[in-house]
Protein backbone atom coordinates (compact mmCIF):
# COMPACT_ATOMS: atom_id res chain seq x y z
CA MET A 1 0.33 47.88 125.73
CA LYS A 2 -2.47 45.38 125.25
CA LYS A 3 -0.06 42.45 125.79
CA LEU A 4 1.22 44.03 129.00
CA LEU A 5 -2.34 44.47 130.23
CA ASN A 6 -3.10 40.81 129.44
CA VAL A 7 0.03 39.66 131.30
CA LEU A 8 -0.87 41.80 134.32
CA THR A 9 -4.42 40.43 134.29
CA VAL A 10 -3.13 36.85 134.25
CA CYS A 11 -0.67 37.56 137.08
CA PHE A 12 -3.36 39.25 139.17
CA THR A 13 -5.71 36.30 138.63
CA ILE A 14 -3.03 33.82 139.73
CA ILE A 15 -2.35 35.83 142.90
CA LEU A 16 -6.06 35.95 143.71
CA LEU A 17 -6.47 32.20 143.18
CA GLN A 18 -3.50 31.43 145.42
CA SER A 19 -4.85 33.62 148.22
CA CYS A 20 -8.29 32.03 147.89
CA THR A 21 -6.88 28.52 148.21
CA ALA A 22 -4.50 29.22 151.13
CA LYS A 23 -5.46 27.06 154.10
CA SER A 24 -5.61 28.38 157.62
CA GLY A 25 -6.57 26.98 160.99
CA ASP A 26 -6.73 27.60 164.71
CA VAL A 27 -5.08 26.13 167.78
CA THR A 28 -6.38 26.19 171.35
CA PHE A 29 -3.99 25.43 174.24
CA TRP A 30 -5.49 24.27 177.54
CA GLN A 31 -4.66 22.73 180.93
CA ALA A 32 -6.44 20.14 183.02
CA THR A 33 -8.28 20.73 186.26
CA ASP A 34 -6.02 20.43 189.32
CA SER A 35 -2.91 20.78 187.16
CA GLY A 36 -1.45 23.12 189.75
CA TYR A 37 -0.27 25.64 187.18
CA GLY A 38 -0.97 29.34 187.41
CA ILE A 39 -1.80 31.62 184.52
CA THR A 40 0.16 30.21 181.60
CA VAL A 41 1.42 32.46 178.82
CA VAL A 42 1.68 30.74 175.43
CA ASP A 43 3.78 32.27 172.65
CA ILE A 44 3.66 31.45 168.94
CA GLU A 45 6.10 33.47 166.86
CA GLY A 46 5.95 36.52 169.12
CA VAL A 47 2.18 36.50 169.63
CA THR A 48 1.01 35.60 173.15
CA SER A 49 -2.24 34.37 174.64
CA ASN A 50 -3.01 33.28 178.21
CA ILE A 51 -4.50 30.15 179.74
CA THR A 52 -6.55 31.39 182.69
CA SER A 53 -8.94 28.48 183.31
CA GLU A 54 -8.63 24.73 183.79
CA TYR A 55 -10.87 22.04 182.27
CA SER A 56 -11.77 18.47 183.24
CA SER A 57 -11.73 17.41 179.57
CA ALA A 58 -10.66 18.93 176.28
CA PRO A 59 -12.58 22.18 175.79
CA ASP A 60 -14.11 23.35 172.54
CA CYS A 61 -11.90 25.24 170.15
CA GLY A 62 -11.70 28.90 171.05
CA GLN A 63 -13.06 28.31 174.56
CA ALA A 64 -12.74 31.25 176.96
CA GLY A 65 -9.90 30.78 179.43
CA CYS A 66 -7.73 28.97 176.87
CA ALA A 67 -4.82 30.37 174.88
CA VAL A 68 -6.34 30.71 171.42
CA PHE A 69 -4.58 31.46 168.15
CA ASN A 70 -6.84 31.99 165.12
CA ASN A 71 -6.34 32.10 161.36
CA LEU A 72 -2.79 30.77 161.25
CA GLU A 73 -1.66 29.88 157.74
CA GLU A 74 -1.08 26.19 157.12
CA GLY A 75 2.35 25.13 158.34
CA THR A 76 4.42 24.16 161.34
CA TYR A 77 4.77 26.64 164.20
CA SER A 78 7.03 26.57 167.23
CA TYR A 79 5.43 27.40 170.56
CA SER A 80 6.68 28.06 174.05
CA ALA A 81 4.75 28.50 177.27
CA THR A 82 5.42 29.28 180.91
CA ASP A 83 3.49 29.83 184.11
CA GLY A 84 6.53 31.41 185.77
CA GLY A 85 7.82 28.05 186.98
CA ALA A 86 7.04 25.27 184.55
CA THR A 87 7.89 25.65 180.87
CA TRP A 88 6.76 23.89 177.72
CA SER A 89 7.94 24.08 174.13
CA GLY A 90 7.34 22.21 170.93
CA SER A 91 5.84 22.57 167.52
CA VAL A 92 2.36 22.25 166.15
CA PHE A 93 1.19 21.66 162.58
CA ILE A 94 -1.69 23.91 161.56
CA ASP A 95 -4.10 22.76 158.89
CA GLU A 96 -7.71 23.63 158.16
CA GLY A 97 -9.96 23.44 161.19
CA CYS A 98 -9.05 23.65 164.84
CA LEU A 99 -6.64 21.73 167.01
CA THR A 100 -6.75 21.54 170.81
CA LEU A 101 -3.47 20.95 172.60
CA GLU A 102 -3.14 20.18 176.32
CA LEU A 103 -0.12 21.47 178.20
CA TYR A 104 0.71 19.06 181.04
């Protein structure tokens, strides 16, 4: 019984360490002023967020009016977006920190 308890303790510790070291990051999608696009819906793996404002230069991460996705685990994600006329698609690599990505 004591050996089983020790094995379980080691396994639990390994799981905790892995979850503590998992990297995550954010991505903010935006569009430029006078782009001519309407409200743009961005989708990453079934989760959507809307771009409702335009910017003259790259906005800060998480800026209101941008499509913002937070706390994504490190890795490559496919995205798609549409404003009802124009469409975009591609992939984005998420690492620690925040990435801003212009749709044009």
